[in-house]
PDB file of N, CA and C in Angstrom:
ATOM      1  N   MET A   1     -10.403  26.407 -17.466  1.00  0.00           N
ATOM      2  CA  MET A   1      -9.158  25.889 -16.911  1.00  0.00           C
ATOM      3  C   MET A   1      -9.434  24.545 -16.234  1.00  0.00           C
ATOM      4  N   LYS A   2      -8.614  23.555 -16.550  1.00  0.00           N
ATOM      5  CA  LYS A   2      -8.748  22.224 -15.960  1.00  0.00           C
ATOM      6  C   LYS A   2      -7.850  22.121 -14.732  1.00  0.00           C
ATOM      7  N   LEU A   3      -8.373  21.511 -13.678  1.00  0.00           N
ATOM      8  CA  LEU A   3      -7.614  21.299 -12.452  1.00  0.00           C
ATOM      9  C   LEU A   3      -7.411  19.808 -12.227  1.00  0.00           C
ATOM     10  N   TYR A   4      -6.189  19.401 -11.960  1.00  0.00           N
ATOM     11  CA  TYR A   4      -5.866  18.015 -11.653  1.00  0.00           C
ATOM     12  C   TYR A   4      -5.081  17.964 -10.348  1.00  0.00           C
ATOM     13  N   PHE A   5      -5.159  16.827  -9.668  1.00  0.00           N
ATOM     14  CA  PHE A   5      -4.352  16.578  -8.479  1.00  0.00           C
ATOM     15  C   PHE A   5      -3.336  15.503  -8.804  1.00  0.00           C
ATOM     16  N   LEU A   6      -2.077  15.757  -8.526  1.00  0.00           N
ATOM     17  CA  LEU A   6      -1.019  14.771  -8.695  1.00  0.00           C
ATOM     18  C   LEU A   6      -0.600  14.330  -7.304  1.00  0.00           C
ATOM     19  N   LEU A   7      -0.975  13.112  -6.925  1.00  0.00           N
ATOM     20  CA  LEU A   7      -0.653  12.572  -5.609  1.00  0.00           C
ATOM     21  C   LEU A   7       0.596  11.712  -5.739  1.00  0.00           C
ATOM     22  N   ILE A   8       1.613  12.014  -4.964  1.00  0.00           N
ATOM     23  CA  ILE A   8       2.876  11.279  -5.025  1.00  0.00           C
ATOM     24  C   ILE A   8       3.127  10.661  -3.658  1.00  0.00           C
ATOM     25  N   LEU A   9       3.247   9.339  -3.629  1.00  0.00           N
ATOM     26  CA  LEU A   9       3.501   8.606  -2.393  1.00  0.00           C
ATOM     27  C   LEU A   9       4.915   8.054  -2.433  1.00  0.00           C
ATOM     28  N   PHE A  10       5.725   8.464  -1.475  1.00  0.00           N
ATOM     29  CA  PHE A  10       7.097   7.978  -1.365  1.00  0.00           C
ATOM     30  C   PHE A  10       7.140   6.887  -0.305  1.00  0.00           C
ATOM     31  N   THR A  11       7.544   5.690  -0.695  1.00  0.00           N
ATOM     32  CA  THR A  11       7.785   4.629   0.272  1.00  0.00           C
ATOM     33  C   THR A  11       9.292   4.424   0.356  1.00  0.00           C
ATOM     34  N   GLN A  12       9.709   3.503   1.179  1.00  0.00           N
ATOM     35  CA  GLN A  12      11.144   3.302   1.366  1.00  0.00           C
ATOM     36  C   GLN A  12      11.822   2.839   0.082  1.00  0.00           C
ATOM     37  N   ASN A  13      11.154   1.989  -0.706  1.00  0.00           N
ATOM     38  CA  ASN A  13      11.783   1.416  -1.887  1.00  0.00           C
ATOM     39  C   ASN A  13      11.088   1.753  -3.196  1.00  0.00           C
ATOM     40  N   ASN A  14      10.065   2.590  -3.183  1.00  0.00           N
ATOM     41  CA  ASN A  14       9.315   2.841  -4.400  1.00  0.00           C
ATOM     42  C   ASN A  14       8.673   4.221  -4.351  1.00  0.00           C
ATOM     43  N   ILE A  15       8.211   4.686  -5.515  1.00  0.00           N
ATOM     44  CA  ILE A  15       7.494   5.948  -5.633  1.00  0.00           C
ATOM     45  C   ILE A  15       6.252   5.684  -6.484  1.00  0.00           C
ATOM     46  N   PHE A  16       5.080   6.090  -5.984  1.00  0.00           N
ATOM     47  CA  PHE A  16       3.825   5.907  -6.690  1.00  0.00           C
ATOM     48  C   PHE A  16       3.254   7.270  -7.064  1.00  0.00           C
ATOM     49  N   ILE A  17       2.715   7.394  -8.288  1.00  0.00           N
ATOM     50  CA  ILE A  17       2.037   8.628  -8.668  1.00  0.00           C
ATOM     51  C   ILE A  17       0.611   8.296  -9.092  1.00  0.00           C
ATOM     52  N   THR A  18      -0.305   9.196  -8.739  1.00  0.00           N
ATOM     53  CA  THR A  18      -1.702   9.070  -9.125  1.00  0.00           C
ATOM     54  C   THR A  18      -2.170  10.438  -9.587  1.00  0.00           C
ATOM     55  N   LEU A  19      -2.740  10.496 -10.779  1.00  0.00           N
ATOM     56  CA  LEU A  19      -3.286  11.734 -11.318  1.00  0.00           C
ATOM     57  C   LEU A  19      -4.799  11.619 -11.303  1.00  0.00           C
ATOM     58  N   THR A  20      -5.459  12.536 -10.590  1.00  0.00           N
ATOM     59  CA  THR A  20      -6.913  12.489 -10.464  1.00  0.00           C
ATOM     60  C   THR A  20      -7.526  13.819 -10.881  1.00  0.00           C
ATOM     61  N   THR A  21      -8.807  13.769 -11.207  1.00  0.00           N
ATOM     62  CA  THR A  21      -9.551  14.984 -11.521  1.00  0.00           C
ATOM     63  C   THR A  21     -10.023  15.614 -10.225  1.00  0.00           C
ATOM     64  N   LEU A  22     -10.739  16.709 -10.345  1.00  0.00           N
ATOM     65  CA  LEU A  22     -11.265  17.401  -9.179  1.00  0.00           C
ATOM     66  C   LEU A  22     -12.309  16.554  -8.459  1.00  0.00           C
ATOM     67  N   LYS A  23     -13.015  15.705  -9.195  1.00  0.00           N
ATOM     68  CA  LYS A  23     -14.034  14.830  -8.612  1.00  0.00           C
ATOM     69  C   LYS A  23     -13.454  13.562  -8.007  1.00  0.00           C
ATOM     70  N   GLY A  24     -12.186  13.273  -8.257  1.00  0.00           N
ATOM     71  CA  GLY A  24     -11.540  12.089  -7.699  1.00  0.00           C
ATOM     72  C   GLY A  24     -11.419  10.925  -8.666  1.00  0.00           C
ATOM     73  N   GLU A  25     -11.739  11.134  -9.931  1.00  0.00           N
ATOM     74  CA  GLU A  25     -11.615  10.076 -10.936  1.00  0.00           C
ATOM     75  C   GLU A  25     -10.145   9.900 -11.297  1.00  0.00           C
ATOM     76  N   VAL A  26      -9.670   8.666 -11.243  1.00  0.00           N
ATOM     77  CA  VAL A  26      -8.259   8.383 -11.507  1.00  0.00           C
ATOM     78  C   VAL A  26      -8.006   8.389 -13.008  1.00  0.00           C
ATOM     79  N   ILE A  27      -7.047   9.198 -13.434  1.00  0.00           N
ATOM     80  CA  ILE A  27      -6.671   9.277 -14.845  1.00  0.00           C
ATOM     81  C   ILE A  27      -5.427   8.435 -15.096  1.00  0.00           C
ATOM     82  N   LEU A  28      -4.486   8.503 -14.180  1.00  0.00           N
ATOM     83  CA  LEU A  28      -3.204   7.806 -14.341  1.00  0.00           C
ATOM     84  C   LEU A  28      -2.745   7.289 -13.000  1.00  0.00           C
ATOM     85  N   TRP A  29      -2.271   6.068 -12.964  1.00  0.00           N
ATOM     86  CA  TRP A  29      -1.678   5.492 -11.760  1.00  0.00           C
ATOM     87  C   TRP A  29      -0.496   4.662 -12.193  1.00  0.00           C
ATOM     88  N   ASN A  30       0.657   4.890 -11.579  1.00  0.00           N
ATOM     89  CA  ASN A  30       1.851   4.141 -11.951  1.00  0.00           C
ATOM     90  C   ASN A  30       2.850   4.161 -10.800  1.00  0.00           C
ATOM     91  N   SER A  31       3.777   3.209 -10.850  1.00  0.00           N
ATOM     92  CA  SER A  31       4.831   3.162  -9.843  1.00  0.00           C
ATOM     93  C   SER A  31       6.189   3.122 -10.534  1.00  0.00           C
ATOM     94  N   LEU A  32       7.193   3.550  -9.811  1.00  0.00           N
ATOM     95  CA  LEU A  32       8.553   3.563 -10.351  1.00  0.00           C
ATOM     96  C   LEU A  32       9.051   2.150 -10.612  1.00  0.00           C
ATOM     97  N   GLY A  33       8.551   1.184  -9.860  1.00  0.00           N
ATOM     98  CA  GLY A  33       8.957  -0.210 -10.027  1.00  0.00           C
ATOM     99  C   GLY A  33       8.534  -0.807 -11.349  1.00  0.00           C
ATOM    100  N   SER A  34       7.548  -0.211 -12.016  1.00  0.00           N
ATOM    101  CA  SER A  34       7.107  -0.744 -13.308  1.00  0.00           C
ATOM    102  C   SER A  34       8.141  -0.531 -14.402  1.00  0.00           C
ATOM    103  N   LEU A  35       9.040   0.450 -14.227  1.00  0.00           N
ATOM    104  CA  LEU A  35      10.084   0.713 -15.221  1.00  0.00           C
ATOM    105  C   LEU A  35      11.392  -0.014 -14.926  1.00  0.00           C
ATOM    106  N   LYS A  36      11.472  -0.627 -13.771  1.00  0.00           N
ATOM    107  CA  LYS A  36      12.735  -1.233 -13.333  1.00  0.00           C
ATOM    108  C   LYS A  36      13.143  -2.382 -14.243  1.00  0.00           C
ATOM    109  N   ILE A  37      14.405  -2.399 -14.569  1.00  0.00           N
ATOM    110  CA  ILE A  37      14.993  -3.489 -15.348  1.00  0.00           C
ATOM    111  C   ILE A  37      15.734  -4.386 -14.363  1.00  0.00           C
ATOM    112  N   LYS A  38      15.606  -5.672 -14.537  1.00  0.00           N
ATOM    113  CA  LYS A  38      16.201  -6.620 -13.596  1.00  0.00           C
ATOM    114  C   LYS A  38      17.713  -6.409 -13.508  1.00  0.00           C
ATOM    115  N   GLY A  39      18.196  -6.330 -12.293  1.00  0.00           N
ATOM    116  CA  GLY A  39      19.627  -6.160 -12.062  1.00  0.00           C
ATOM    117  C   GLY A  39      20.042  -4.717 -11.823  1.00  0.00           C
ATOM    118  N   LEU A  40      19.155  -3.747 -12.108  1.00  0.00           N
ATOM    119  CA  LEU A  40      19.476  -2.342 -11.877  1.00  0.00           C
ATOM    120  C   LEU A  40      18.780  -1.842 -10.621  1.00  0.00           C
ATOM    121  N   LYS A  41      19.313  -0.768 -10.053  1.00  0.00           N
ATOM    122  CA  LYS A  41      18.683  -0.158  -8.881  1.00  0.00           C
ATOM    123  C   LYS A  41      17.403   0.542  -9.310  1.00  0.00           C
ATOM    124  N   LYS A  42      16.384   0.465  -8.447  1.00  0.00           N
ATOM    125  CA  LYS A  42      15.096   1.091  -8.756  1.00  0.00           C
ATOM    126  C   LYS A  42      15.163   2.603  -8.579  1.00  0.00           C
ATOM    127  N   LEU A  43      15.827   3.045  -7.549  1.00  0.00           N
ATOM    128  CA  LEU A  43      15.896   4.465  -7.248  1.00  0.00           C
ATOM    129  C   LEU A  43      17.205   5.055  -7.759  1.00  0.00           C
ATOM    130  N   SER A  44      17.202   5.460  -9.022  1.00  0.00           N
ATOM    131  CA  SER A  44      18.383   6.096  -9.607  1.00  0.00           C
ATOM    132  C   SER A  44      17.944   7.343 -10.369  1.00  0.00           C
ATOM    133  N   ASN A  45      18.885   8.234 -10.640  1.00  0.00           N
ATOM    134  CA  ASN A  45      18.583   9.510 -11.293  1.00  0.00           C
ATOM    135  C   ASN A  45      17.948   9.319 -12.661  1.00  0.00           C
ATOM    136  N   SER A  46      18.556   8.488 -13.480  1.00  0.00           N
ATOM    137  CA  SER A  46      18.056   8.312 -14.844  1.00  0.00           C
ATOM    138  C   SER A  46      16.677   7.662 -14.863  1.00  0.00           C
ATOM    139  N   LEU A  47      16.431   6.735 -13.961  1.00  0.00           N
ATOM    140  CA  LEU A  47      15.127   6.073 -13.909  1.00  0.00           C
ATOM    141  C   LEU A  47      14.038   7.049 -13.450  1.00  0.00           C
ATOM    142  N   ILE A  48      14.374   7.942 -12.520  1.00  0.00           N
ATOM    143  CA  ILE A  48      13.403   8.945 -12.065  1.00  0.00           C
ATOM    144  C   ILE A  48      13.068   9.916 -13.188  1.00  0.00           C
ATOM    145  N   LYS A  49      14.079  10.376 -13.940  1.00  0.00           N
ATOM    146  CA  LYS A  49      13.843  11.274 -15.073  1.00  0.00           C
ATOM    147  C   LYS A  49      12.944  10.610 -16.111  1.00  0.00           C
ATOM    148  N   ASN A  50      13.243   9.364 -16.453  1.00  0.00           N
ATOM    149  CA  ASN A  50      12.436   8.643 -17.440  1.00  0.00           C
ATOM    150  C   ASN A  50      11.009   8.437 -16.948  1.00  0.00           C
ATOM    151  N   PHE A  51      10.855   8.142 -15.669  1.00  0.00           N
ATOM    152  CA  PHE A  51       9.539   7.908 -15.074  1.00  0.00           C
ATOM    153  C   PHE A  51       8.665   9.162 -15.188  1.00  0.00           C
ATOM    154  N   ILE A  52       9.233  10.315 -14.859  1.00  0.00           N
ATOM    155  CA  ILE A  52       8.483  11.567 -14.954  1.00  0.00           C
ATOM    156  C   ILE A  52       8.163  11.882 -16.411  1.00  0.00           C
ATOM    157  N   PHE A  53       9.136  11.703 -17.296  1.00  0.00           N
ATOM    158  CA  PHE A  53       8.937  12.019 -18.708  1.00  0.00           C
ATOM    159  C   PHE A  53       7.874  11.118 -19.341  1.00  0.00           C
ATOM    160  N   ILE A  54       7.936   9.828 -19.103  1.00  0.00           N
ATOM    161  CA  ILE A  54       7.005   8.878 -19.715  1.00  0.00           C
ATOM    162  C   ILE A  54       5.579   9.109 -19.227  1.00  0.00           C
ATOM    163  N   ASN A  55       5.399   9.310 -17.925  1.00  0.00           N
ATOM    164  CA  ASN A  55       4.058   9.395 -17.364  1.00  0.00           C
ATOM    165  C   ASN A  55       3.414  10.778 -17.482  1.00  0.00           C
ATOM    166  N   LEU A  56       4.195  11.826 -17.448  1.00  0.00           N
ATOM    167  CA  LEU A  56       3.616  13.163 -17.389  1.00  0.00           C
ATOM    168  C   LEU A  56       3.875  14.012 -18.629  1.00  0.00           C
ATOM    169  N   ASN A  57       4.411  13.412 -19.681  1.00  0.00           N
ATOM    170  CA  ASN A  57       4.724  14.155 -20.900  1.00  0.00           C
ATOM    171  C   ASN A  57       3.461  14.667 -21.581  1.00  0.00           C
ATOM    172  N   GLN A  58       2.386  13.887 -21.573  1.00  0.00           N
ATOM    173  CA  GLN A  58       1.154  14.290 -22.245  1.00  0.00           C
ATOM    174  C   GLN A  58       0.498  15.499 -21.576  1.00  0.00           C
ATOM    175  N   LEU A  59       0.738  15.713 -20.292  1.00  0.00           N
ATOM    176  CA  LEU A  59       0.157  16.853 -19.583  1.00  0.00           C
ATOM    177  C   LEU A  59       0.834  18.166 -19.938  1.00  0.00           C
ATOM    178  N   LYS A  60       2.095  18.085 -20.294  1.00  0.00           N
ATOM    179  CA  LYS A  60       2.890  19.285 -20.511  1.00  0.00           C
ATOM    180  C   LYS A  60       2.362  20.136 -21.668  1.00  0.00           C
ATOM    181  N   PHE A  61       1.733  19.499 -22.643  1.00  0.00           N
ATOM    182  CA  PHE A  61       1.332  20.220 -23.848  1.00  0.00           C
ATOM    183  C   PHE A  61      -0.150  20.570 -23.887  1.00  0.00           C
ATOM    184  N   GLN A  62      -0.901  20.282 -22.825  1.00  0.00           N
ATOM    185  CA  GLN A  62      -2.309  20.665 -22.777  1.00  0.00           C
ATOM    186  C   GLN A  62      -2.429  22.127 -22.364  1.00  0.00           C
ATOM    187  N   LYS A  63      -3.389  22.809 -22.976  1.00  0.00           N
ATOM    188  CA  LYS A  63      -3.583  24.234 -22.684  1.00  0.00           C
ATOM    189  C   LYS A  63      -4.531  24.390 -21.512  1.00  0.00           C
ATOM    190  N   GLU A  64      -4.351  25.476 -20.766  1.00  0.00           N
ATOM    191  CA  GLU A  64      -5.188  25.822 -19.615  1.00  0.00           C
ATOM    192  C   GLU A  64      -5.320  24.670 -18.630  1.00  0.00           C
ATOM    193  N   LEU A  65      -4.197  24.191 -18.179  1.00  0.00           N
ATOM    194  CA  LEU A  65      -4.152  23.072 -17.238  1.00  0.00           C
ATOM    195  C   LEU A  65      -3.319  23.477 -16.032  1.00  0.00           C
ATOM    196  N   LYS A  66      -3.831  23.213 -14.849  1.00  0.00           N
ATOM    197  CA  LYS A  66      -3.096  23.476 -13.611  1.00  0.00           C
ATOM    198  C   LYS A  66      -3.118  22.217 -12.751  1.00  0.00           C
ATOM    199  N   ILE A  67      -2.007  21.968 -12.057  1.00  0.00           N
ATOM    200  CA  ILE A  67      -1.869  20.757 -11.241  1.00  0.00           C
ATOM    201  C   ILE A  67      -1.538  21.145  -9.804  1.00  0.00           C
ATOM    202  N   HIS A  68      -2.281  20.571  -8.858  1.00  0.00           N
ATOM    203  CA  HIS A  68      -1.960  20.655  -7.439  1.00  0.00           C
ATOM    204  C   HIS A  68      -1.175  19.387  -7.101  1.00  0.00           C
ATOM    205  N   VAL A  69       0.001  19.525  -6.545  1.00  0.00           N
ATOM    206  CA  VAL A  69       0.847  18.378  -6.216  1.00  0.00           C
ATOM    207  C   VAL A  69       0.758  18.121  -4.719  1.00  0.00           C
ATOM    208  N   LYS A  70       0.396  16.875  -4.346  1.00  0.00           N
ATOM    209  CA  LYS A  70       0.333  16.474  -2.943  1.00  0.00           C
ATOM    210  C   LYS A  70       1.379  15.383  -2.714  1.00  0.00           C
ATOM    211  N   LEU A  71       2.248  15.612  -1.756  1.00  0.00           N
ATOM    212  CA  LEU A  71       3.320  14.675  -1.440  1.00  0.00           C
ATOM    213  C   LEU A  71       3.023  13.989  -0.118  1.00  0.00           C
ATOM    214  N   LYS A  72       3.397  12.709  -0.028  1.00  0.00           N
ATOM    215  CA  LYS A  72       3.211  11.975   1.217  1.00  0.00           C
ATOM    216  C   LYS A  72       4.326  10.947   1.348  1.00  0.00           C
ATOM    217  N   GLY A  73       4.890  10.831   2.541  1.00  0.00           N
ATOM    218  CA  GLY A  73       5.905   9.829   2.802  1.00  0.00           C
ATOM    219  C   GLY A  73       7.321  10.378   2.714  1.00  0.00           C
ATOM    220  N   TYR A  74       8.256   9.501   3.035  1.00  0.00           N
ATOM    221  CA  TYR A  74       9.669   9.849   3.030  1.00  0.00           C
ATOM    222  C   TYR A  74      10.446   8.861   2.183  1.00  0.00           C
ATOM    223  N   ASN A  75      11.487   9.372   1.541  1.00  0.00           N
ATOM    224  CA  ASN A  75      12.340   8.566   0.692  1.00  0.00           C
ATOM    225  C   ASN A  75      13.677   9.275   0.590  1.00  0.00           C
ATOM    226  N   LYS A  76      14.736   8.525   0.330  1.00  0.00           N
ATOM    227  CA  LYS A  76      16.045   9.163   0.254  1.00  0.00           C
ATOM    228  C   LYS A  76      16.206  10.028  -0.992  1.00  0.00           C
ATOM    229  N   LEU A  77      15.400   9.813  -2.017  1.00  0.00           N
ATOM    230  CA  LEU A  77      15.481  10.607  -3.239  1.00  0.00           C
ATOM    231  C   LEU A  77      14.270  11.522  -3.426  1.00  0.00           C
ATOM    232  N   LYS A  78      13.622  11.906  -2.345  1.00  0.00           N
ATOM    233  CA  LYS A  78      12.437  12.756  -2.425  1.00  0.00           C
ATOM    234  C   LYS A  78      12.777  14.134  -2.995  1.00  0.00           C
ATOM    235  N   LYS A  79      13.848  14.751  -2.511  1.00  0.00           N
ATOM    236  CA  LYS A  79      14.252  16.067  -2.997  1.00  0.00           C
ATOM    237  C   LYS A  79      14.594  16.040  -4.480  1.00  0.00           C
ATOM    238  N   LEU A  80      15.296  14.997  -4.903  1.00  0.00           N
ATOM    239  CA  LEU A  80      15.679  14.868  -6.297  1.00  0.00           C
ATOM    240  C   LEU A  80      14.447  14.711  -7.184  1.00  0.00           C
ATOM    241  N   PHE A  81      13.492  13.890  -6.752  1.00  0.00           N
ATOM    242  CA  PHE A  81      12.261  13.678  -7.518  1.00  0.00           C
ATOM    243  C   PHE A  81      11.496  14.986  -7.668  1.00  0.00           C
ATOM    244  N   ILE A  82      11.390  15.759  -6.582  1.00  0.00           N
ATOM    245  CA  ILE A  82      10.664  17.029  -6.618  1.00  0.00           C
ATOM    246  C   ILE A  82      11.375  18.025  -7.529  1.00  0.00           C
ATOM    247  N   ARG A  83      12.698  18.039  -7.489  1.00  0.00           N
ATOM    248  CA  ARG A  83      13.462  18.943  -8.349  1.00  0.00           C
ATOM    249  C   ARG A  83      13.226  18.635  -9.824  1.00  0.00           C
ATOM    250  N   PHE A  84      13.257  17.351 -10.194  1.00  0.00           N
ATOM    251  CA  PHE A  84      13.002  16.966 -11.583  1.00  0.00           C
ATOM    252  C   PHE A  84      11.558  17.285 -11.984  1.00  0.00           C
ATOM    253  N   LEU A  85      10.628  17.096 -11.061  1.00  0.00           N
ATOM    254  CA  LEU A  85       9.218  17.375 -11.335  1.00  0.00           C
ATOM    255  C   LEU A  85       8.996  18.860 -11.594  1.00  0.00           C
ATOM    256  N   ILE A  86       9.629  19.712 -10.806  1.00  0.00           N
ATOM    257  CA  ILE A  86       9.495  21.157 -10.995  1.00  0.00           C
ATOM    258  C   ILE A  86      10.125  21.584 -12.315  1.00  0.00           C
ATOM    259  N   LEU A  87      11.281  21.035 -12.652  1.00  0.00           N
ATOM    260  CA  LEU A  87      11.925  21.380 -13.917  1.00  0.00           C
ATOM    261  C   LEU A  87      11.069  20.957 -15.109  1.00  0.00           C
ATOM    262  N   PHE A  88      10.426  19.817 -14.998  1.00  0.00           N
ATOM    263  CA  PHE A  88       9.659  19.276 -16.120  1.00  0.00           C
ATOM    264  C   PHE A  88       8.296  19.947 -16.271  1.00  0.00           C
ATOM    265  N   LEU A  89       7.618  20.257 -15.167  1.00  0.00           N
ATOM    266  CA  LEU A  89       6.256  20.790 -15.217  1.00  0.00           C
ATOM    267  C   LEU A  89       6.136  22.185 -14.610  1.00  0.00           C
ATOM    268  N   GLN A  90       7.159  22.996 -14.710  1.00  0.00           N
ATOM    269  CA  GLN A  90       7.162  24.278 -14.019  1.00  0.00           C
ATOM    270  C   GLN A  90       6.064  25.233 -14.495  1.00  0.00           C
ATOM    271  N   GLU A  91       5.601  25.118 -15.733  1.00  0.00           N
ATOM    272  CA  GLU A  91       4.587  26.040 -16.244  1.00  0.00           C
ATOM    273  C   GLU A  91       3.193  25.710 -15.725  1.00  0.00           C
ATOM    274  N   ILE A  92       2.930  24.438 -15.396  1.00  0.00           N
ATOM    275  CA  ILE A  92       1.556  24.049 -15.062  1.00  0.00           C
ATOM    276  C   ILE A  92       1.350  23.694 -13.591  1.00  0.00           C
ATOM    277  N   ILE A  93       2.401  23.680 -12.780  1.00  0.00           N
ATOM    278  CA  ILE A  93       2.238  23.386 -11.353  1.00  0.00           C
ATOM    279  C   ILE A  93       1.637  24.607 -10.660  1.00  0.00           C
ATOM    280  N   PHE A  94       0.537  24.373  -9.948  1.00  0.00           N
ATOM    281  CA  PHE A  94      -0.194  25.438  -9.280  1.00  0.00           C
ATOM    282  C   PHE A  94       0.209  25.560  -7.812  1.00  0.00           C
ATOM    283  N   SER A  95       0.344  24.407  -7.115  1.00  0.00           N
ATOM    284  CA  SER A  95       0.721  24.445  -5.705  1.00  0.00           C
ATOM    285  C   SER A  95       1.326  23.113  -5.276  1.00  0.00           C
ATOM    286  N   PHE A  96       2.052  23.161  -4.148  1.00  0.00           N
ATOM    287  CA  PHE A  96       2.641  21.978  -3.522  1.00  0.00           C
ATOM    288  C   PHE A  96       2.110  21.859  -2.105  1.00  0.00           C
ATOM    289  N   ILE A  97       1.751  20.638  -1.712  1.00  0.00           N
ATOM    290  CA  ILE A  97       1.348  20.357  -0.338  1.00  0.00           C
ATOM    291  C   ILE A  97       2.082  19.095   0.091  1.00  0.00           C
ATOM    292  N   ASP A  98       2.721  19.140   1.260  1.00  0.00           N
ATOM    293  CA  ASP A  98       3.411  17.963   1.789  1.00  0.00           C
ATOM    294  C   ASP A  98       2.619  17.439   2.980  1.00  0.00           C
ATOM    295  N   ASN A  99       1.982  16.276   2.819  1.00  0.00           N
ATOM    296  CA  ASN A  99       1.157  15.678   3.868  1.00  0.00           C
ATOM    297  C   ASN A  99       1.889  14.573   4.621  1.00  0.00           C
ATOM    298  N   SER A 100       3.193  14.654   4.701  1.00  0.00           N
ATOM    299  CA  SER A 100       3.959  13.635   5.400  1.00  0.00           C
ATOM    300  C   SER A 100       3.672  13.707   6.896  1.00  0.00           C
ATOM    301  N   ALA A 101       3.442  12.561   7.482  1.00  0.00           N
ATOM    302  CA  ALA A 101       3.124  12.503   8.907  1.00  0.00           C
ATOM    303  C   ALA A 101       4.397  12.698   9.721  1.00  0.00           C
ATOM    304  N   THR A 102       4.353  13.670  10.620  1.00  0.00           N
ATOM    305  CA  THR A 102       5.484  13.884  11.517  1.00  0.00           C
ATOM    306  C   THR A 102       5.038  13.529  12.931  1.00  0.00           C
ATOM    307  N   PRO A 103       5.862  12.836  13.689  1.00  0.00           N
ATOM    308  CA  PRO A 103       5.453  12.454  15.036  1.00  0.00           C
ATOM    309  C   PRO A 103       5.339  13.681  15.942  1.00  0.00           C
ATOM    310  N   MET A 104       4.296  13.710  16.753  1.00  0.00           N
ATOM    311  CA  MET A 104       4.053  14.835  17.650  1.00  0.00           C
ATOM    312  C   MET A 104       4.098  14.399  19.114  1.00  0.00           C
ATOM    313  N   ASN A 105       4.702  13.257  19.413  1.00  0.00           N
ATOM    314  CA  ASN A 105       4.639  12.738  20.772  1.00  0.00           C
ATOM    315  C   ASN A 105       5.645  13.392  21.717  1.00  0.00           C
ATOM    316  N   GLY A 106       6.688  13.996  21.228  1.00  0.00           N
ATOM    317  CA  GLY A 106       7.644  14.681  22.084  1.00  0.00           C
ATOM    318  C   GLY A 106       8.432  13.734  22.976  1.00  0.00           C
ATOM    319  N   CYS A 107       8.904  14.227  24.115  1.00  0.00           N
ATOM    320  CA  CYS A 107       9.690  13.428  25.049  1.00  0.00           C
ATOM    321  C   CYS A 107       8.790  12.800  26.111  1.00  0.00           C
ATOM    322  N   LYS A 108       9.186  11.661  26.552  1.00  0.00           N
ATOM    323  CA  LYS A 108       8.431  10.948  27.572  1.00  0.00           C
ATOM    324  C   LYS A 108       8.999  11.302  28.949  1.00  0.00           C
ATOM    325  N   TRP A 109       8.097  11.508  29.913  1.00  0.00           N
ATOM    326  CA  TRP A 109       8.538  11.742  31.273  1.00  0.00           C
ATOM    327  C   TRP A 109       9.134  10.469  31.832  1.00  0.00           C
ATOM    328  N   LYS A 110      10.142  10.627  32.697  1.00  0.00           N
ATOM    329  CA  LYS A 110      10.741   9.478  33.343  1.00  0.00           C
ATOM    330  C   LYS A 110       9.743   8.887  34.317  1.00  0.00           C
ATOM    331  N   LYS A 111       9.611   7.558  34.314  1.00  0.00           N
ATOM    332  CA  LYS A 111       8.644   6.897  35.154  1.00  0.00           C
ATOM    333  C   LYS A 111       9.062   7.034  36.643  1.00  0.00           C
ATOM    334  N   LYS A 112       8.074   7.380  37.496  1.00  0.00           N
ATOM    335  CA  LYS A 112       8.379   7.564  38.915  1.00  0.00           C
ATOM    336  C   LYS A 112       8.582   6.204  39.579  1.00  0.00           C
ATOM    337  N   ARG A 113       9.584   6.162  40.436  1.00  0.00           N
ATOM    338  CA  ARG A 113       9.922   4.915  41.085  1.00  0.00           C
ATOM    339  C   ARG A 113       9.048   4.703  42.318  1.00  0.00           C
ATOM    340  N   ARG A 114       8.488   3.493  42.432  1.00  0.00           N
ATOM    341  CA  ARG A 114       7.659   3.170  43.592  1.00  0.00           C
ATOM    342  C   ARG A 114       8.439   2.297  44.539  1.00  0.00           C
ATOM    343  N   LEU A 115       8.263   2.543  45.830  1.00  0.00           N
ATOM    344  CA  LEU A 115       8.954   1.728  46.843  1.00  0.00           C
ATOM    345  C   LEU A 115       8.017   0.773  47.519  1.00  0.00           C
TER     346      LEU A 115
END
């Protein structure tokens, strides 16, 4: 059984995917901006579907393949991208991990007034 890691980085205006082996060798690296046509929005439903299909179609037909998906970052279409990814690769996805940084600073105490 082959194991791959699919690292997905969501930025405010773009989505990057990197497919690596267990040893860390990069097999595929691409961004959603590479498919953008001038004058169209980069983050749209049809462009996301095409992006997943073009880049990950070859993985779908390999036998004994499992993928660990690691997500990082925030984007307004993150849920939609994940939904399309699950629909497209549902047989070979092994696990999901979301490594998005969440702030842990909490509330600040009010500064004491000095006289």
